[in-house]
Amino acid sequence: TGVGVIVAAHMMVAAVGSVPLGRASDVWGRRSLLLAGMIISAVTSAVLPLAEGAVPLAIIYGAAGVGVAAFTPSALSMVGDAAASGAAGRAFAWYTIAHYGAIGVGSFLGGVVAQVAGYRAAFLVSAGVVTATFAVGLMSIEPSKTHVASTDAKATFADVRRNLIVWGGWIVSFCG
């Protein structure tokens, strides 16, 4: 039950935060939200070794969900922005390979660090890796190439909710 509460806190905050932070990515630029998501991820990873028990861990993982909600829509939008016409599926496939590959390799390496030095060390190593990635992103992501002015600033959730393509994506993602 404790693990379920921790995972649910993370996933629900990430889910609820994705729409407003995705919109913020359109308004303020992809770079700002990508970097903010990385900072939140690094900080929450660094704080995890200090927590014990389901409630403190759920609070920290909930905060980490805000980082995911800031990062993911921005990263996906950058892929879509960069994809050549007619090649979005391929571009998102490569993103997916990188995403799930990182989750697999990161989980394995985190397990190795946890086995050798303990779980607290694994979280600190994770914070270090994300911080290093943040530094790379800070130096390499150009602000001018990551801001996409919204063409419809008055789009509402109701407009999105009536879009059958969005519903299809939601249903497939939820079932997956």
N, C-alpha and C. Protein backbone atom coordinates (compact mmCIF):
# COMPACT_ATOMS: atom_id res chain seq x y z
N THR A 1 0.83 -1.20 0.00
CA THR A 1 0.00 0.00 0.00
C THR A 1 0.87 1.25 0.00
N GLY A 2 1.93 1.23 0.80
CA GLY A 2 2.83 2.39 0.87
C GLY A 2 3.46 2.69 -0.47
N VAL A 3 3.93 1.64 -1.15
CA VAL A 3 4.53 1.84 -2.47
C VAL A 3 3.49 2.38 -3.45
N GLY A 4 2.26 1.86 -3.37
CA GLY A 4 1.19 2.35 -4.23
C GLY A 4 0.90 3.82 -4.02
N VAL A 5 0.90 4.26 -2.75
CA VAL A 5 0.66 5.67 -2.43
C VAL A 5 1.79 6.54 -2.99
N ILE A 6 3.01 6.07 -2.86
CA ILE A 6 4.17 6.83 -3.35
C ILE A 6 4.11 6.97 -4.87
N VAL A 7 3.87 5.86 -5.55
CA VAL A 7 3.81 5.89 -7.02
C VAL A 7 2.60 6.71 -7.48
N ALA A 8 1.46 6.54 -6.81
CA ALA A 8 0.26 7.30 -7.19
C ALA A 8 0.48 8.80 -7.01
N ALA A 9 1.14 9.21 -5.94
CA ALA A 9 1.41 10.64 -5.73
C ALA A 9 2.21 11.19 -6.90
N HIS A 10 3.24 10.47 -7.29
CA HIS A 10 4.08 10.91 -8.40
C HIS A 10 3.29 10.99 -9.70
N MET A 11 2.60 9.92 -10.03
CA MET A 11 1.90 9.85 -11.31
C MET A 11 0.73 10.82 -11.40
N MET A 12 -0.02 10.98 -10.30
CA MET A 12 -1.17 11.88 -10.34
C MET A 12 -0.73 13.34 -10.46
N VAL A 13 0.30 13.72 -9.73
CA VAL A 13 0.80 15.09 -9.85
C VAL A 13 1.34 15.33 -11.26
N ALA A 14 2.08 14.35 -11.80
CA ALA A 14 2.60 14.48 -13.16
C ALA A 14 1.46 14.59 -14.17
N ALA A 15 0.41 13.78 -13.99
CA ALA A 15 -0.72 13.82 -14.92
C ALA A 15 -1.46 15.14 -14.85
N VAL A 16 -1.79 15.59 -13.65
CA VAL A 16 -2.56 16.83 -13.49
C VAL A 16 -1.72 18.04 -13.91
N GLY A 17 -0.43 18.01 -13.66
CA GLY A 17 0.42 19.14 -13.99
C GLY A 17 0.81 19.24 -15.46
N SER A 18 0.63 18.16 -16.21
CA SER A 18 1.09 18.15 -17.61
C SER A 18 0.38 19.16 -18.49
N VAL A 19 -0.92 19.33 -18.33
CA VAL A 19 -1.66 20.25 -19.20
C VAL A 19 -1.23 21.70 -18.94
N PRO A 20 -1.27 22.19 -17.69
CA PRO A 20 -0.85 23.59 -17.52
C PRO A 20 0.63 23.82 -17.82
N LEU A 21 1.49 22.84 -17.50
CA LEU A 21 2.92 23.05 -17.76
C LEU A 21 3.24 22.85 -19.25
N GLY A 22 2.47 22.02 -19.93
CA GLY A 22 2.61 21.93 -21.39
C GLY A 22 2.23 23.25 -22.04
N ARG A 23 1.18 23.84 -21.55
CA ARG A 23 0.76 25.17 -22.05
C ARG A 23 1.83 26.21 -21.74
N ALA A 24 2.39 26.14 -20.54
CA ALA A 24 3.47 27.07 -20.18
C ALA A 24 4.66 26.91 -21.12
N SER A 25 4.91 25.69 -21.55
CA SER A 25 5.99 25.45 -22.51
C SER A 25 5.73 26.18 -23.83
N ASP A 26 4.47 26.21 -24.24
CA ASP A 26 4.11 26.94 -25.46
C ASP A 26 4.26 28.44 -25.28
N VAL A 27 3.95 28.94 -24.10
CA VAL A 27 3.97 30.37 -23.85
C VAL A 27 5.38 30.87 -23.50
N TRP A 28 6.06 30.19 -22.59
CA TRP A 28 7.36 30.66 -22.08
C TRP A 28 8.55 30.06 -22.80
N GLY A 29 8.31 29.01 -23.57
CA GLY A 29 9.41 28.37 -24.29
C GLY A 29 9.75 27.01 -23.71
N ARG A 30 10.20 26.14 -24.56
CA ARG A 30 10.52 24.75 -24.18
C ARG A 30 11.68 24.71 -23.19
N ARG A 31 12.69 25.53 -23.45
CA ARG A 31 13.93 25.48 -22.65
C ARG A 31 13.65 25.72 -21.17
N SER A 32 12.87 26.73 -20.86
CA SER A 32 12.59 27.07 -19.47
C SER A 32 11.97 25.89 -18.72
N LEU A 33 11.00 25.26 -19.34
CA LEU A 33 10.31 24.15 -18.67
C LEU A 33 11.18 22.90 -18.61
N LEU A 34 11.95 22.65 -19.67
CA LEU A 34 12.88 21.50 -19.64
C LEU A 34 13.87 21.64 -18.49
N LEU A 35 14.48 22.81 -18.39
CA LEU A 35 15.48 23.03 -17.35
C LEU A 35 14.86 23.02 -15.96
N ALA A 36 13.67 23.60 -15.82
CA ALA A 36 12.98 23.58 -14.53
C ALA A 36 12.67 22.15 -14.11
N GLY A 37 12.22 21.34 -15.06
CA GLY A 37 11.94 19.93 -14.76
C GLY A 37 13.19 19.20 -14.30
N MET A 38 14.33 19.49 -14.92
CA MET A 38 15.58 18.85 -14.52
C MET A 38 16.00 19.29 -13.12
N ILE A 39 15.84 20.57 -12.82
CA ILE A 39 16.21 21.07 -11.49
C ILE A 39 15.35 20.39 -10.43
N ILE A 40 14.05 20.32 -10.67
CA ILE A 40 13.16 19.67 -9.71
C ILE A 40 13.54 18.21 -9.54
N SER A 41 13.87 17.53 -10.62
CA SER A 41 14.28 16.13 -10.54
C SER A 41 15.55 15.97 -9.73
N ALA A 42 16.53 16.83 -9.95
CA ALA A 42 17.79 16.75 -9.21
C ALA A 42 17.56 17.01 -7.72
N VAL A 43 16.77 18.02 -7.40
CA VAL A 43 16.52 18.37 -6.00
C VAL A 43 15.76 17.25 -5.29
N THR A 44 14.72 16.73 -5.93
CA THR A 44 13.96 15.66 -5.27
C THR A 44 14.80 14.40 -5.10
N SER A 45 15.65 14.08 -6.06
CA SER A 45 16.55 12.93 -5.91
C SER A 45 17.51 13.14 -4.75
N ALA A 46 18.00 14.37 -4.60
CA ALA A 46 18.95 14.67 -3.52
C ALA A 46 18.28 14.64 -2.15
N VAL A 47 16.98 14.94 -2.10
CA VAL A 47 16.27 14.96 -0.82
C VAL A 47 15.77 13.57 -0.41
N LEU A 48 15.56 12.69 -1.36
CA LEU A 48 15.04 11.35 -1.05
C LEU A 48 15.82 10.60 0.03
N PRO A 49 17.15 10.67 0.07
CA PRO A 49 17.86 9.93 1.11
C PRO A 49 17.54 10.40 2.53
N LEU A 50 16.96 11.57 2.66
CA LEU A 50 16.63 12.10 3.98
C LEU A 50 15.28 11.61 4.50
N ALA A 51 14.48 11.04 3.63
CA ALA A 51 13.11 10.67 3.99
C ALA A 51 12.98 9.19 4.33
N GLU A 52 12.08 8.93 5.26
CA GLU A 52 11.72 7.55 5.59
C GLU A 52 10.23 7.49 5.81
N GLY A 53 9.60 6.46 5.32
CA GLY A 53 8.17 6.29 5.49
C GLY A 53 7.41 6.71 4.25
N ALA A 54 6.20 6.16 4.13
CA ALA A 54 5.39 6.36 2.93
C ALA A 54 4.99 7.82 2.72
N VAL A 55 4.58 8.50 3.77
CA VAL A 55 4.08 9.88 3.60
C VAL A 55 5.19 10.83 3.15
N PRO A 56 6.35 10.87 3.83
CA PRO A 56 7.41 11.76 3.33
C PRO A 56 7.87 11.41 1.91
N LEU A 57 7.95 10.11 1.62
CA LEU A 57 8.36 9.71 0.28
C LEU A 57 7.30 10.10 -0.75
N ALA A 58 6.01 9.98 -0.40
CA ALA A 58 4.94 10.38 -1.32
C ALA A 58 5.00 11.88 -1.59
N ILE A 59 5.31 12.66 -0.58
CA ILE A 59 5.41 14.12 -0.76
C ILE A 59 6.57 14.44 -1.71
N ILE A 60 7.71 13.81 -1.50
CA ILE A 60 8.87 14.07 -2.37
C ILE A 60 8.60 13.57 -3.79
N TYR A 61 8.03 12.38 -3.91
CA TYR A 61 7.72 11.86 -5.25
C TYR A 61 6.63 12.69 -5.92
N GLY A 62 5.69 13.25 -5.14
CA GLY A 62 4.71 14.17 -5.71
C GLY A 62 5.39 15.40 -6.29
N ALA A 63 6.36 15.94 -5.54
CA ALA A 63 7.14 17.08 -6.05
C ALA A 63 7.91 16.69 -7.31
N ALA A 64 8.44 15.47 -7.32
CA ALA A 64 9.13 14.98 -8.52
C ALA A 64 8.17 14.91 -9.71
N GLY A 65 6.89 14.65 -9.44
CA GLY A 65 5.88 14.63 -10.50
C GLY A 65 5.73 15.99 -11.17
N VAL A 66 5.93 17.06 -10.41
CA VAL A 66 5.90 18.41 -11.00
C VAL A 66 7.04 18.54 -12.01
N GLY A 67 8.22 18.00 -11.66
CA GLY A 67 9.35 18.03 -12.58
C GLY A 67 9.07 17.27 -13.86
N VAL A 68 8.44 16.11 -13.71
CA VAL A 68 8.07 15.31 -14.89
C VAL A 68 7.06 16.07 -15.74
N ALA A 69 6.09 16.71 -15.08
CA ALA A 69 5.08 17.47 -15.82
C ALA A 69 5.67 18.67 -16.54
N ALA A 70 6.74 19.23 -16.01
CA ALA A 70 7.40 20.35 -16.68
C ALA A 70 8.26 19.85 -17.83
N PHE A 71 8.96 18.74 -17.61
CA PHE A 71 9.93 18.25 -18.57
C PHE A 71 9.28 17.55 -19.78
N THR A 72 8.39 16.62 -19.51
CA THR A 72 7.90 15.73 -20.57
C THR A 72 7.17 16.43 -21.70
N PRO A 73 6.16 17.28 -21.44
CA PRO A 73 5.51 17.95 -22.57
C PRO A 73 6.48 18.82 -23.37
N SER A 74 7.43 19.43 -22.68
CA SER A 74 8.41 20.28 -23.37
C SER A 74 9.32 19.44 -24.26
N ALA A 75 9.80 18.31 -23.71
CA ALA A 75 10.68 17.44 -24.50
C ALA A 75 9.94 16.88 -25.71
N LEU A 76 8.72 16.41 -25.49
CA LEU A 76 7.94 15.88 -26.61
C LEU A 76 7.65 16.97 -27.64
N SER A 77 7.36 18.17 -27.17
CA SER A 77 7.09 19.28 -28.10
C SER A 77 8.32 19.61 -28.93
N MET A 78 9.49 19.56 -28.30
CA MET A 78 10.73 19.83 -29.06
C MET A 78 10.93 18.78 -30.14
N VAL A 79 10.61 17.52 -29.83
CA VAL A 79 10.72 16.47 -30.84
C VAL A 79 9.76 16.77 -31.98
N GLY A 80 8.52 17.11 -31.65
CA GLY A 80 7.54 17.42 -32.68
C GLY A 80 7.93 18.65 -33.49
N ASP A 81 8.48 19.66 -32.82
CA ASP A 81 8.91 20.87 -33.52
C ASP A 81 10.05 20.57 -34.49
N ALA A 82 10.93 19.66 -34.10
CA ALA A 82 12.12 19.38 -34.90
C ALA A 82 11.87 18.35 -35.99
N ALA A 83 10.81 17.58 -35.87
CA ALA A 83 10.56 16.50 -36.84
C ALA A 83 10.25 17.08 -38.22
N ALA A 84 10.86 16.47 -39.21
CA ALA A 84 10.57 16.86 -40.59
C ALA A 84 9.14 16.48 -40.93
N SER A 85 8.57 17.18 -41.88
CA SER A 85 7.21 16.89 -42.31
C SER A 85 7.11 15.42 -42.74
N GLY A 86 6.13 14.74 -42.22
CA GLY A 86 5.94 13.34 -42.56
C GLY A 86 6.82 12.37 -41.79
N ALA A 87 7.62 12.87 -40.86
CA ALA A 87 8.54 11.99 -40.12
C ALA A 87 8.32 12.05 -38.61
N ALA A 88 7.15 12.52 -38.18
CA ALA A 88 6.90 12.64 -36.74
C ALA A 88 6.92 11.28 -36.06
N GLY A 89 6.34 10.27 -36.67
CA GLY A 89 6.33 8.93 -36.07
C GLY A 89 7.73 8.41 -35.82
N ARG A 90 8.60 8.59 -36.78
CA ARG A 90 9.99 8.15 -36.64
C ARG A 90 10.71 8.96 -35.55
N ALA A 91 10.47 10.27 -35.53
CA ALA A 91 11.11 11.12 -34.52
C ALA A 91 10.66 10.72 -33.12
N PHE A 92 9.36 10.46 -32.95
CA PHE A 92 8.87 10.05 -31.64
C PHE A 92 9.32 8.63 -31.29
N ALA A 93 9.52 7.79 -32.29
CA ALA A 93 10.05 6.45 -32.03
C ALA A 93 11.47 6.53 -31.46
N TRP A 94 12.29 7.40 -32.02
CA TRP A 94 13.65 7.58 -31.50
C TRP A 94 13.62 8.16 -30.09
N TYR A 95 12.71 9.11 -29.86
CA TYR A 95 12.56 9.65 -28.51
C TYR A 95 12.16 8.53 -27.54
N THR A 96 11.23 7.69 -27.96
CA THR A 96 10.77 6.59 -27.12
C THR A 96 11.89 5.61 -26.81
N ILE A 97 12.72 5.31 -27.80
CA ILE A 97 13.87 4.44 -27.57
C ILE A 97 14.79 5.06 -26.52
N ALA A 98 15.07 6.34 -26.66
CA ALA A 98 15.94 7.02 -25.69
C ALA A 98 15.29 7.03 -24.30
N HIS A 99 14.01 7.31 -24.24
CA HIS A 99 13.29 7.41 -22.97
C HIS A 99 13.29 6.07 -22.23
N TYR A 100 12.80 5.04 -22.89
CA TYR A 100 12.72 3.73 -22.22
C TYR A 100 14.09 3.09 -22.05
N GLY A 101 14.99 3.37 -22.97
CA GLY A 101 16.37 2.89 -22.79
C GLY A 101 16.99 3.50 -21.55
N ALA A 102 16.76 4.80 -21.35
CA ALA A 102 17.30 5.47 -20.16
C ALA A 102 16.66 4.92 -18.89
N ILE A 103 15.36 4.66 -18.93
CA ILE A 103 14.70 4.09 -17.75
C ILE A 103 15.28 2.71 -17.44
N GLY A 104 15.48 1.90 -18.47
CA GLY A 104 16.03 0.56 -18.25
C GLY A 104 17.46 0.59 -17.75
N VAL A 105 18.31 1.33 -18.43
CA VAL A 105 19.72 1.41 -18.05
C VAL A 105 19.86 2.10 -16.69
N GLY A 106 19.11 3.20 -16.50
CA GLY A 106 19.17 3.92 -15.23
C GLY A 106 18.73 3.06 -14.06
N SER A 107 17.66 2.29 -14.25
CA SER A 107 17.20 1.40 -13.18
C SER A 107 18.24 0.34 -12.86
N PHE A 108 18.83 -0.22 -13.89
CA PHE A 108 19.87 -1.23 -13.67
C PHE A 108 21.07 -0.63 -12.93
N LEU A 109 21.56 0.50 -13.42
CA LEU A 109 22.72 1.13 -12.77
C LEU A 109 22.39 1.60 -11.35
N GLY A 110 21.17 2.10 -11.16
CA GLY A 110 20.74 2.49 -9.82
C GLY A 110 20.71 1.28 -8.89
N GLY A 111 20.27 0.14 -9.41
CA GLY A 111 20.27 -1.09 -8.62
C GLY A 111 21.66 -1.53 -8.25
N VAL A 112 22.60 -1.39 -9.20
CA VAL A 112 23.99 -1.74 -8.92
C VAL A 112 24.55 -0.84 -7.82
N VAL A 113 24.33 0.48 -7.95
CA VAL A 113 24.82 1.41 -6.92
C VAL A 113 24.16 1.09 -5.58
N ALA A 114 22.85 0.82 -5.58
CA ALA A 114 22.14 0.51 -4.33
C ALA A 114 22.69 -0.76 -3.69
N GLN A 115 23.00 -1.76 -4.52
CA GLN A 115 23.53 -3.01 -3.98
C GLN A 115 24.93 -2.82 -3.39
N VAL A 116 25.73 -2.00 -4.03
CA VAL A 116 27.11 -1.78 -3.58
C VAL A 116 27.17 -0.78 -2.43
N ALA A 117 26.43 0.34 -2.54
CA ALA A 117 26.60 1.43 -1.58
C ALA A 117 25.32 1.82 -0.84
N GLY A 118 24.20 1.19 -1.15
CA GLY A 118 22.94 1.50 -0.48
C GLY A 118 22.04 2.39 -1.32
N TYR A 119 20.74 2.38 -0.95
CA TYR A 119 19.75 3.13 -1.72
C TYR A 119 19.97 4.64 -1.62
N ARG A 120 20.41 5.12 -0.49
CA ARG A 120 20.64 6.56 -0.36
C ARG A 120 21.70 7.02 -1.36
N ALA A 121 22.74 6.24 -1.52
CA ALA A 121 23.79 6.57 -2.49
C ALA A 121 23.24 6.56 -3.91
N ALA A 122 22.35 5.63 -4.21
CA ALA A 122 21.76 5.56 -5.55
C ALA A 122 20.98 6.83 -5.87
N PHE A 123 20.24 7.35 -4.89
CA PHE A 123 19.50 8.59 -5.12
C PHE A 123 20.44 9.77 -5.31
N LEU A 124 21.53 9.81 -4.56
CA LEU A 124 22.50 10.89 -4.71
C LEU A 124 23.21 10.83 -6.06
N VAL A 125 23.53 9.62 -6.52
CA VAL A 125 24.12 9.47 -7.85
C VAL A 125 23.13 9.94 -8.90
N SER A 126 21.85 9.58 -8.74
CA SER A 126 20.81 10.04 -9.67
C SER A 126 20.76 11.57 -9.70
N ALA A 127 20.80 12.20 -8.53
CA ALA A 127 20.80 13.67 -8.48
C ALA A 127 22.00 14.24 -9.21
N GLY A 128 23.16 13.61 -9.06
CA GLY A 128 24.37 14.07 -9.75
C GLY A 128 24.26 13.93 -11.26
N VAL A 129 23.70 12.81 -11.72
CA VAL A 129 23.54 12.60 -13.17
C VAL A 129 22.58 13.63 -13.75
N VAL A 130 21.46 13.88 -13.05
CA VAL A 130 20.50 14.87 -13.55
C VAL A 130 21.12 16.27 -13.54
N THR A 131 21.89 16.57 -12.51
CA THR A 131 22.55 17.89 -12.45
C THR A 131 23.53 18.05 -13.61
N ALA A 132 24.28 17.01 -13.92
CA ALA A 132 25.20 17.07 -15.05
C ALA A 132 24.44 17.24 -16.36
N THR A 133 23.31 16.55 -16.49
CA THR A 133 22.49 16.67 -17.69
C THR A 133 21.92 18.08 -17.79
N PHE A 134 21.52 18.65 -16.65
CA PHE A 134 21.03 20.04 -16.62
C PHE A 134 22.10 20.98 -17.15
N ALA A 135 23.35 20.78 -16.71
CA ALA A 135 24.45 21.65 -17.17
C ALA A 135 24.62 21.54 -18.68
N VAL A 136 24.52 20.34 -19.22
CA VAL A 136 24.62 20.15 -20.67
C VAL A 136 23.46 20.86 -21.36
N GLY A 137 22.25 20.69 -20.82
CA GLY A 137 21.08 21.35 -21.40
C GLY A 137 21.19 22.86 -21.35
N LEU A 138 21.70 23.37 -20.26
CA LEU A 138 21.88 24.81 -20.08
C LEU A 138 22.80 25.39 -21.15
N MET A 139 23.83 24.63 -21.50
CA MET A 139 24.81 25.10 -22.49
C MET A 139 24.37 24.83 -23.92
N SER A 140 23.53 23.82 -24.15
CA SER A 140 23.30 23.40 -25.52
C SER A 140 21.92 23.71 -26.09
N ILE A 141 20.92 23.94 -25.25
CA ILE A 141 19.59 24.22 -25.76
C ILE A 141 19.46 25.72 -25.98
N GLU A 142 19.28 26.12 -27.22
CA GLU A 142 19.20 27.53 -27.56
C GLU A 142 17.80 28.06 -27.26
N PRO A 143 17.71 29.14 -26.48
CA PRO A 143 16.39 29.69 -26.14
C PRO A 143 15.58 30.09 -27.37
N SER A 144 16.21 30.67 -28.35
CA SER A 144 15.47 31.15 -29.52
C SER A 144 14.85 30.01 -30.32
N LYS A 145 15.40 28.81 -30.21
CA LYS A 145 14.87 27.68 -30.99
C LYS A 145 13.84 26.88 -30.20
N THR A 146 13.57 27.27 -28.96
CA THR A 146 12.67 26.46 -28.15
C THR A 146 11.40 27.21 -27.76
N HIS A 147 11.21 28.40 -28.30
CA HIS A 147 9.99 29.14 -27.99
C HIS A 147 9.09 29.11 -29.21
N VAL A 148 7.90 28.59 -29.01
CA VAL A 148 6.93 28.52 -30.09
C VAL A 148 5.72 29.36 -29.67
N ALA A 149 5.51 30.45 -30.38
CA ALA A 149 4.37 31.30 -30.04
C ALA A 149 3.08 30.55 -30.31
N SER A 150 2.18 30.63 -29.37
CA SER A 150 0.89 29.96 -29.53
C SER A 150 0.09 30.66 -30.62
N THR A 151 -0.49 29.87 -31.50
CA THR A 151 -1.32 30.46 -32.55
C THR A 151 -2.75 30.65 -32.06
N ASP A 152 -3.12 29.96 -30.98
CA ASP A 152 -4.46 30.10 -30.44
C ASP A 152 -4.39 30.21 -28.93
N ALA A 153 -4.20 31.42 -28.47
CA ALA A 153 -4.03 31.66 -27.04
C ALA A 153 -5.33 31.42 -26.28
N LYS A 154 -6.45 31.34 -26.97
CA LYS A 154 -7.73 31.16 -26.29
C LYS A 154 -8.19 29.71 -26.28
N ALA A 155 -7.33 28.78 -26.70
CA ALA A 155 -7.69 27.37 -26.67
C ALA A 155 -7.96 26.97 -25.22
N THR A 156 -9.04 26.26 -25.02
CA THR A 156 -9.41 25.85 -23.67
C THR A 156 -9.35 24.34 -23.56
N PHE A 157 -9.46 23.88 -22.33
CA PHE A 157 -9.50 22.44 -22.11
C PHE A 157 -10.70 21.83 -22.83
N ALA A 158 -11.81 22.55 -22.89
CA ALA A 158 -12.99 22.04 -23.59
C ALA A 158 -12.68 21.80 -25.07
N ASP A 159 -11.90 22.70 -25.69
CA ASP A 159 -11.52 22.50 -27.09
C ASP A 159 -10.69 21.24 -27.25
N VAL A 160 -9.76 21.05 -26.35
CA VAL A 160 -8.89 19.86 -26.41
C VAL A 160 -9.72 18.61 -26.16
N ARG A 161 -10.63 18.69 -25.20
CA ARG A 161 -11.45 17.54 -24.82
C ARG A 161 -12.33 17.08 -25.99
N ARG A 162 -12.72 17.97 -26.89
CA ARG A 162 -13.56 17.60 -28.04
C ARG A 162 -12.75 17.02 -29.20
N ASN A 163 -11.42 17.03 -29.09
CA ASN A 163 -10.56 16.55 -30.17
C ASN A 163 -10.44 15.03 -30.10
N LEU A 164 -10.96 14.33 -31.11
CA LEU A 164 -10.95 12.86 -31.10
C LEU A 164 -9.54 12.27 -31.14
N ILE A 165 -8.61 12.97 -31.77
CA ILE A 165 -7.22 12.50 -31.80
C ILE A 165 -6.64 12.51 -30.39
N VAL A 166 -6.92 13.56 -29.64
CA VAL A 166 -6.46 13.63 -28.25
C VAL A 166 -7.07 12.48 -27.45
N TRP A 167 -8.37 12.24 -27.61
CA TRP A 167 -9.01 11.13 -26.90
C TRP A 167 -8.35 9.80 -27.26
N GLY A 168 -8.06 9.62 -28.53
CA GLY A 168 -7.38 8.39 -28.95
C GLY A 168 -6.04 8.23 -28.26
N GLY A 169 -5.28 9.32 -28.21
CA GLY A 169 -3.98 9.27 -27.52
C GLY A 169 -4.14 8.99 -26.04
N TRP A 170 -5.14 9.60 -25.42
CA TRP A 170 -5.38 9.36 -23.99
C TRP A 170 -5.75 7.90 -23.74
N ILE A 171 -6.64 7.38 -24.56
CA ILE A 171 -7.10 5.99 -24.37
C ILE A 171 -5.95 5.01 -24.56
N VAL A 172 -5.18 5.19 -25.61
CA VAL A 172 -4.04 4.30 -25.85
C VAL A 172 -3.02 4.41 -24.72
N SER A 173 -2.72 5.63 -24.28
CA SER A 173 -1.74 5.82 -23.20
C SER A 173 -2.24 5.21 -21.90
N PHE A 174 -3.52 5.44 -21.58
CA PHE A 174 -4.08 4.92 -20.34
C PHE A 174 -4.07 3.39 -20.34
N CYS A 175 -4.48 2.81 -21.46
CA CYS A 175 -4.51 1.34 -21.54
C CYS A 175 -3.10 0.76 -21.49
N GLY A 176 -2.14 1.48 -22.09
CA GLY A 176 -0.76 1.01 -22.05
C GLY A 176 -0.22 0.99 -20.63
